[in-house]
Protein backbone atom coordinates (compact mmCIF):
# COMPACT_ATOMS: atom_id res chain seq x y z
CA TRP A 1 15.71 -2.35 4.89
CA SER A 2 17.04 -5.72 4.22
CA GLY A 3 16.12 -5.64 0.53
CA LEU A 4 13.43 -8.38 0.50
CA VAL A 5 10.48 -8.01 -1.87
CA GLY A 6 7.47 -7.32 -0.04
CA GLU A 7 9.12 -6.66 3.30
CA VAL A 8 7.18 -4.47 5.63
CA PHE A 9 9.13 -1.48 7.11
CA THR A 10 7.64 -0.45 10.35
CA PRO A 11 9.53 2.31 12.22
CA ALA A 12 9.46 2.39 15.97
CA PRO A 13 6.75 4.47 17.55
CA ASP A 14 7.80 7.90 18.92
CA GLN A 15 5.94 8.07 22.22
CA GLY A 16 6.94 11.71 22.88
CA HIS A 17 5.19 13.07 19.79
CA ALA A 18 1.55 11.96 20.15
CA GLN A 19 0.15 15.43 19.22
CA GLU A 20 2.39 15.65 16.14
CA ALA A 21 1.43 12.07 15.17
CA GLU A 22 -2.34 12.89 15.33
CA ALA A 23 -1.61 16.15 13.20
CA LEU A 24 -0.06 13.92 10.54
CA MET A 25 -2.90 11.44 10.54
CA PRO A 26 -4.58 11.35 6.99
CA THR A 27 -7.67 13.19 6.40
CA SER A 28 -10.88 11.60 7.50
CA SER A 29 -11.16 10.07 3.99
CA LEU A 30 -8.98 7.07 5.04
CA LYS A 31 -10.83 6.67 8.22
CA GLU A 32 -13.98 6.60 6.18
CA ALA A 33 -12.57 4.46 3.37
CA LEU A 34 -11.79 1.79 6.00
CA LYS A 35 -15.42 1.86 7.06
CA ASP A 36 -17.13 1.50 3.58
CA LYS A 37 -15.96 -0.61 0.69
CA GLU A 38 -17.19 2.02 -1.98
CA VAL A 39 -15.46 4.81 -0.22
CA TRP A 40 -12.37 2.62 -0.09
CA ARG A 41 -12.54 1.98 -4.01
CA SER A 42 -12.74 5.72 -4.66
CA TYR A 43 -9.98 6.46 -2.09
CA ILE A 44 -7.39 3.85 -3.33
CA ASP A 45 -8.30 4.19 -7.10
CA ILE A 46 -5.73 6.73 -8.25
CA HIS A 47 -3.05 5.06 -6.18
CA ALA A 48 -3.86 1.68 -7.47
CA ARG A 49 -3.77 2.97 -11.04
CA GLN A 50 -0.34 4.51 -10.47
CA LEU A 51 1.00 1.11 -8.96
CA ASP A 52 -0.43 -0.73 -12.02
CA LYS A 53 1.27 1.74 -14.34
CA VAL A 54 4.69 1.17 -12.60
CA HIS A 55 4.33 -2.60 -12.71
CA ASN A 56 3.23 -2.47 -16.33
CA GLU A 57 6.32 -0.55 -17.14
CA GLU A 58 8.46 -2.99 -15.20
CA TRP A 59 6.77 -5.96 -17.16
CA LYS A 60 7.61 -4.28 -20.50
CA LEU A 61 11.26 -4.17 -19.53
CA THR A 62 11.67 -7.64 -17.86
CA LYS A 63 8.69 -9.73 -19.05
CA THR A 64 8.19 -10.90 -15.51
CA TRP A 65 5.21 -10.16 -13.25
CA ASN A 66 6.28 -10.12 -9.39
CA LEU A 67 3.34 -8.17 -8.07
CA ASN A 68 2.14 -9.77 -4.85
CA CYS A 69 0.10 -8.19 -1.87
CA MET A 70 1.60 -8.66 1.54
CA ILE A 71 -1.62 -7.64 3.16
CA CYS A 72 -3.67 -10.48 1.45
CA GLY A 73 -0.60 -12.84 0.81
CA VAL A 74 -1.69 -13.31 -2.82
CA SER A 75 -0.45 -12.48 -6.35
CA MET A 76 -2.11 -9.51 -8.00
CA ALA A 77 -2.30 -11.26 -11.34
CA ASN A 78 -5.06 -9.11 -12.65
CA GLY A 79 -3.06 -5.95 -11.66
CA ALA A 80 -2.83 -3.70 -8.73
CA HIS A 81 -5.84 -1.81 -9.47
CA VAL A 82 -8.23 -4.67 -9.72
CA HIS A 83 -6.79 -6.16 -6.49
CA LEU A 84 -6.46 -3.07 -4.30
CA CYS A 85 -9.92 -1.86 -5.17
CA SER A 86 -11.47 -5.35 -4.43
CA GLN A 87 -13.67 -6.23 -1.54
CA GLY A 88 -11.27 -8.87 -0.50
CA HIS A 89 -8.35 -6.39 -0.10
CA TRP A 90 -10.56 -3.96 1.69
CA LYS A 91 -11.58 -6.58 4.21
CA ALA A 92 -7.94 -7.73 4.52
CA ILE A 93 -6.47 -4.13 5.21
CA ARG A 94 -9.33 -3.49 7.82
CA GLY A 95 -8.46 -6.67 9.62
CA TRP A 96 -4.74 -6.33 9.30
CA ARG A 97 -4.13 -3.79 11.95
CA GLU A 98 -4.80 -0.14 12.93
CA TYR A 99 -3.25 2.53 10.82
CA SER A 100 -0.67 4.77 12.60
CA PRO A 101 1.57 7.48 11.00
CA GLU A 102 4.46 5.87 12.95
CA SER A 103 3.57 2.43 11.62
CA PRO A 104 2.63 2.50 7.86
CA ALA A 105 2.03 -0.70 5.85
CA LEU A 106 4.94 -0.25 3.46
CA GLN A 107 5.69 -2.92 0.91
CA ALA A 108 8.85 -2.66 -1.10
CA TYR A 109 9.15 -4.16 -4.79
CA CYS A 110 12.58 -4.41 -6.41
CA LEU A 111 12.19 -3.03 -9.88
CA THR A 112 14.87 -2.25 -12.56
CA LYS A 113 14.89 1.35 -11.65
CA GLY A 114 15.37 0.54 -7.87
CA ARG A 115 13.29 -0.19 -4.80
CA TYR A 116 9.67 0.93 -5.17
CA VAL A 117 7.79 1.45 -1.94
CA PHE A 118 3.89 1.50 -1.60
CA ASP A 119 1.84 2.33 1.50
CA HIS A 120 -1.23 0.01 1.58
CA PHE A 121 -3.08 2.33 3.92
CA THR A 122 -2.45 5.70 2.28
CA GLY A 123 -1.54 4.77 -1.25
CA GLU A 124 1.58 6.73 -1.13
CA GLN A 125 4.38 5.44 -3.25
CA ARG A 126 7.90 6.36 -4.19
CA LEU A 127 10.93 5.05 -5.95
């Protein structure tokens, strides 16, 4: 990763492991969530709350708010939970591209504790 905030990391697809990739595909809940906005809200809720918590902790330390959405290209001024659960984000993620385990939608945030990575499709996140 080059270290840019909001950079998308997309690993090259491995053509020889199609069956393994299918086995790694998230449960049908992601597929269903991409079809229905209420299912999306339920699906992303806990992940969005966690990202909110992380960014709120960062704000307490730095008094800066650098929470942007690479999918929508906007600031999440009202917090990650409000934005990620919104109809606008749901529509944007559906139109962005197909989900693939080899090609997650990773966004990196540079925080005081280090690089924090969030996957816009699965909601997975890590420091």
